[in-house]
Amino acid sequence: MNILKIGLALAILVAGIYGYYNLPNLMGGEVSPLATFAVLLVSIVAAAAVAATSESGQALIEFSKGSQIELKKMVWPTRQETFQTTGIVMVMVVLVALFLWAIDVAVFNVIYDLLLGVDD
């Protein structure tokens, strides 16, 4: 039954996408863009409703509820802590960039001296 519900949800979704692109042809003329979007939106909602009744859908809903509970337990950093850690990261990025630049210049000079020789 689970596979049947998921298949039905996919069929509804595919029908909605088909209707979105082919509604003017099906209706025999001009159709409002709002109407084509409404067909797509209704099919997405209907497919989600059918999928939610399946075992997989129920498991996803339970997982989402558990995730919300865990998010409420989370201790988020304060504004000051966020700015401080962001500042530390930015300073470290600049320091590492300068270090890598210095290594690059040193290696370039060594290779340049080895290839062309020292003319002193």
C-alpha atoms as a PDB file:
ATOM      1  CA  MET A   1       0.000   0.000   0.000  1.00  0.00           C
ATOM      2  CA  ASN A   2       2.928   2.297   0.761  1.00  0.00           C
ATOM      3  CA  ILE A   3       4.326   2.013  -2.777  1.00  0.00           C
ATOM      4  CA  LEU A   4       0.861   2.598  -4.222  1.00  0.00           C
ATOM      5  CA  LYS A   5       0.466   5.854  -2.275  1.00  0.00           C
ATOM      6  CA  ILE A   6       3.909   7.109  -3.280  1.00  0.00           C
ATOM      7  CA  GLY A   7       3.170   6.171  -6.905  1.00  0.00           C
ATOM      8  CA  LEU A   8      -0.152   8.006  -6.759  1.00  0.00           C
ATOM      9  CA  ALA A   9       1.575  11.072  -5.321  1.00  0.00           C
ATOM     10  CA  LEU A  10       4.136  11.010  -8.115  1.00  0.00           C
ATOM     11  CA  ALA A  11       1.378  10.596 -10.703  1.00  0.00           C
ATOM     12  CA  ILE A  12      -0.479  13.612  -9.292  1.00  0.00           C
ATOM     13  CA  LEU A  13       2.729  15.635  -9.372  1.00  0.00           C
ATOM     14  CA  VAL A  14       3.513  14.626 -12.960  1.00  0.00           C
ATOM     15  CA  ALA A  15      -0.070  15.453 -13.986  1.00  0.00           C
ATOM     16  CA  GLY A  16       0.267  18.877 -12.378  1.00  0.00           C
ATOM     17  CA  ILE A  17       3.531  19.575 -14.197  1.00  0.00           C
ATOM     18  CA  TYR A  18       1.948  18.403 -17.447  1.00  0.00           C
ATOM     19  CA  GLY A  19      -1.043  20.650 -16.794  1.00  0.00           C
ATOM     20  CA  TYR A  20       1.223  23.599 -16.031  1.00  0.00           C
ATOM     21  CA  TYR A  21       2.894  23.366 -19.424  1.00  0.00           C
ATOM     22  CA  ASN A  22      -0.085  22.231 -21.507  1.00  0.00           C
ATOM     23  CA  LEU A  23      -3.111  23.941 -19.938  1.00  0.00           C
ATOM     24  CA  PRO A  24      -3.523  26.429 -22.824  1.00  0.00           C
ATOM     25  CA  ASN A  25      -3.575  23.520 -25.310  1.00  0.00           C
ATOM     26  CA  LEU A  26      -5.994  21.538 -23.158  1.00  0.00           C
ATOM     27  CA  MET A  27      -8.339  24.504 -22.716  1.00  0.00           C
ATOM     28  CA  GLY A  28      -8.182  25.482 -26.394  1.00  0.00           C
ATOM     29  CA  GLY A  29      -6.805  28.989 -26.094  1.00  0.00           C
ATOM     30  CA  GLU A  30      -5.302  31.603 -23.835  1.00  0.00           C
ATOM     31  CA  VAL A  31      -5.164  30.787 -20.141  1.00  0.00           C
ATOM     32  CA  SER A  32      -4.083  33.104 -17.381  1.00  0.00           C
ATOM     33  CA  PRO A  33      -0.566  32.478 -16.034  1.00  0.00           C
ATOM     34  CA  LEU A  34      -2.155  32.550 -12.585  1.00  0.00           C
ATOM     35  CA  ALA A  35      -4.404  29.634 -13.547  1.00  0.00           C
ATOM     36  CA  THR A  36      -1.475  27.550 -14.794  1.00  0.00           C
ATOM     37  CA  PHE A  37       0.430  28.280 -11.594  1.00  0.00           C
ATOM     38  CA  ALA A  38      -2.655  27.351  -9.556  1.00  0.00           C
ATOM     39  CA  VAL A  39      -2.835  23.977 -11.333  1.00  0.00           C
ATOM     40  CA  LEU A  40       0.801  23.320 -10.417  1.00  0.00           C
ATOM     41  CA  LEU A  41       0.355  24.488  -6.826  1.00  0.00           C
ATOM     42  CA  VAL A  42      -2.781  22.404  -6.270  1.00  0.00           C
ATOM     43  CA  SER A  43      -1.061  19.322  -7.674  1.00  0.00           C
ATOM     44  CA  ILE A  44       1.945  19.828  -5.387  1.00  0.00           C
ATOM     45  CA  VAL A  45      -0.302  20.184  -2.336  1.00  0.00           C
ATOM     46  CA  ALA A  46      -2.405  17.158  -3.343  1.00  0.00           C
ATOM     47  CA  ALA A  47       0.704  15.040  -3.990  1.00  0.00           C
ATOM     48  CA  ALA A  48       2.157  16.060  -0.611  1.00  0.00           C
ATOM     49  CA  ALA A  49      -1.122  15.182   1.114  1.00  0.00           C
ATOM     50  CA  VAL A  50      -1.246  11.747  -0.493  1.00  0.00           C
ATOM     51  CA  ALA A  51       2.448  11.122   0.249  1.00  0.00           C
ATOM     52  CA  ALA A  52       1.944  12.179   3.881  1.00  0.00           C
ATOM     53  CA  THR A  53      -0.525   9.315   4.391  1.00  0.00           C
ATOM     54  CA  SER A  54       2.083   6.712   3.400  1.00  0.00           C
ATOM     55  CA  GLU A  55       4.429   5.019   5.854  1.00  0.00           C
ATOM     56  CA  SER A  56       7.379   6.961   4.455  1.00  0.00           C
ATOM     57  CA  GLY A  57       5.438  10.206   4.756  1.00  0.00           C
ATOM     58  CA  GLN A  58       4.502   9.464   8.367  1.00  0.00           C
ATOM     59  CA  ALA A  59       8.150   8.685   9.137  1.00  0.00           C
ATOM     60  CA  LEU A  60       9.191  11.999   7.572  1.00  0.00           C
ATOM     61  CA  ILE A  61       6.592  13.872   9.629  1.00  0.00           C
ATOM     62  CA  GLU A  62       7.808  12.202  12.840  1.00  0.00           C
ATOM     63  CA  PHE A  63      11.407  12.999  11.925  1.00  0.00           C
ATOM     64  CA  SER A  64      10.461  16.645  11.356  1.00  0.00           C
ATOM     65  CA  LYS A  65       8.739  16.828  14.734  1.00  0.00           C
ATOM     66  CA  GLY A  66      11.794  15.321  16.420  1.00  0.00           C
ATOM     67  CA  SER A  67      14.056  17.780  14.616  1.00  0.00           C
ATOM     68  CA  GLN A  68      11.968  20.713  15.850  1.00  0.00           C
ATOM     69  CA  ILE A  69      12.209  19.429  19.409  1.00  0.00           C
ATOM     70  CA  GLU A  70      16.004  19.128  19.093  1.00  0.00           C
ATOM     71  CA  LEU A  71      16.258  22.629  17.593  1.00  0.00           C
ATOM     72  CA  LYS A  72      14.452  24.034  20.641  1.00  0.00           C
ATOM     73  CA  LYS A  73      17.103  22.401  22.852  1.00  0.00           C
ATOM     74  CA  MET A  74      19.916  24.015  20.848  1.00  0.00           C
ATOM     75  CA  VAL A  75      21.886  26.804  22.524  1.00  0.00           C
ATOM     76  CA  TRP A  76      22.530  29.442  19.887  1.00  0.00           C
ATOM     77  CA  PRO A  77      25.442  31.905  20.210  1.00  0.00           C
ATOM     78  CA  THR A  78      24.722  35.474  21.219  1.00  0.00           C
ATOM     79  CA  ARG A  79      25.167  38.354  18.801  1.00  0.00           C
ATOM     80  CA  GLN A  80      28.460  39.317  20.458  1.00  0.00           C
ATOM     81  CA  GLU A  81      29.807  35.747  20.258  1.00  0.00           C
ATOM     82  CA  THR A  82      28.855  35.574  16.590  1.00  0.00           C
ATOM     83  CA  PHE A  83      30.697  38.809  15.776  1.00  0.00           C
ATOM     84  CA  GLN A  84      33.749  37.746  17.784  1.00  0.00           C
ATOM     85  CA  THR A  85      34.066  34.360  16.111  1.00  0.00           C
ATOM     86  CA  THR A  86      33.465  35.908  12.682  1.00  0.00           C
ATOM     87  CA  GLY A  87      36.220  38.436  13.390  1.00  0.00           C
ATOM     88  CA  ILE A  88      38.611  35.694  14.472  1.00  0.00           C
ATOM     89  CA  VAL A  89      37.875  33.732  11.291  1.00  0.00           C
ATOM     90  CA  MET A  90      38.475  36.809   9.112  1.00  0.00           C
ATOM     91  CA  VAL A  91      41.800  37.579  10.847  1.00  0.00           C
ATOM     92  CA  MET A  92      42.908  33.962  10.440  1.00  0.00           C
ATOM     93  CA  VAL A  93      41.988  33.999   6.742  1.00  0.00           C
ATOM     94  CA  VAL A  94      44.129  37.104   6.211  1.00  0.00           C
ATOM     95  CA  LEU A  95      47.049  35.618   8.193  1.00  0.00           C
ATOM     96  CA  VAL A  96      46.934  32.323   6.275  1.00  0.00           C
ATOM     97  CA  ALA A  97      46.709  34.234   2.974  1.00  0.00           C
ATOM     98  CA  LEU A  98      49.785  36.294   3.892  1.00  0.00           C
ATOM     99  CA  PHE A  99      51.655  33.154   4.953  1.00  0.00           C
ATOM    100  CA  LEU A 100      50.822  31.373   1.703  1.00  0.00           C
ATOM    101  CA  TRP A 101      51.814  34.472  -0.284  1.00  0.00           C
ATOM    102  CA  ALA A 102      55.189  34.572   1.503  1.00  0.00           C
ATOM    103  CA  ILE A 103      55.758  30.864   0.805  1.00  0.00           C
ATOM    104  CA  ASP A 104      54.830  31.422  -2.847  1.00  0.00           C
ATOM    105  CA  VAL A 105      57.275  34.328  -3.213  1.00  0.00           C
ATOM    106  CA  ALA A 106      60.068  32.358  -1.520  1.00  0.00           C
ATOM    107  CA  VAL A 107      59.546  29.281  -3.698  1.00  0.00           C
ATOM    108  CA  PHE A 108      59.327  31.465  -6.812  1.00  0.00           C
ATOM    109  CA  ASN A 109      62.637  33.158  -5.957  1.00  0.00           C
ATOM    110  CA  VAL A 110      64.362  29.835  -5.267  1.00  0.00           C
ATOM    111  CA  ILE A 111      63.149  28.339  -8.551  1.00  0.00           C
ATOM    112  CA  TYR A 112      64.035  31.544 -10.432  1.00  0.00           C
ATOM    113  CA  ASP A 113      67.573  31.491  -9.008  1.00  0.00           C
ATOM    114  CA  LEU A 114      67.993  27.779  -9.813  1.00  0.00           C
ATOM    115  CA  LEU A 115      66.775  28.083 -13.387  1.00  0.00           C
ATOM    116  CA  LEU A 116      68.475  31.323 -14.387  1.00  0.00           C
ATOM    117  CA  GLY A 117      71.408  31.212 -12.021  1.00  0.00           C
ATOM    118  CA  VAL A 118      72.546  33.978  -9.734  1.00  0.00           C
ATOM    119  CA  ASP A 119      74.202  36.823 -11.663  1.00  0.00           C
ATOM    120  CA  ASP A 120      75.965  38.480  -8.744  1.00  0.00           C
END
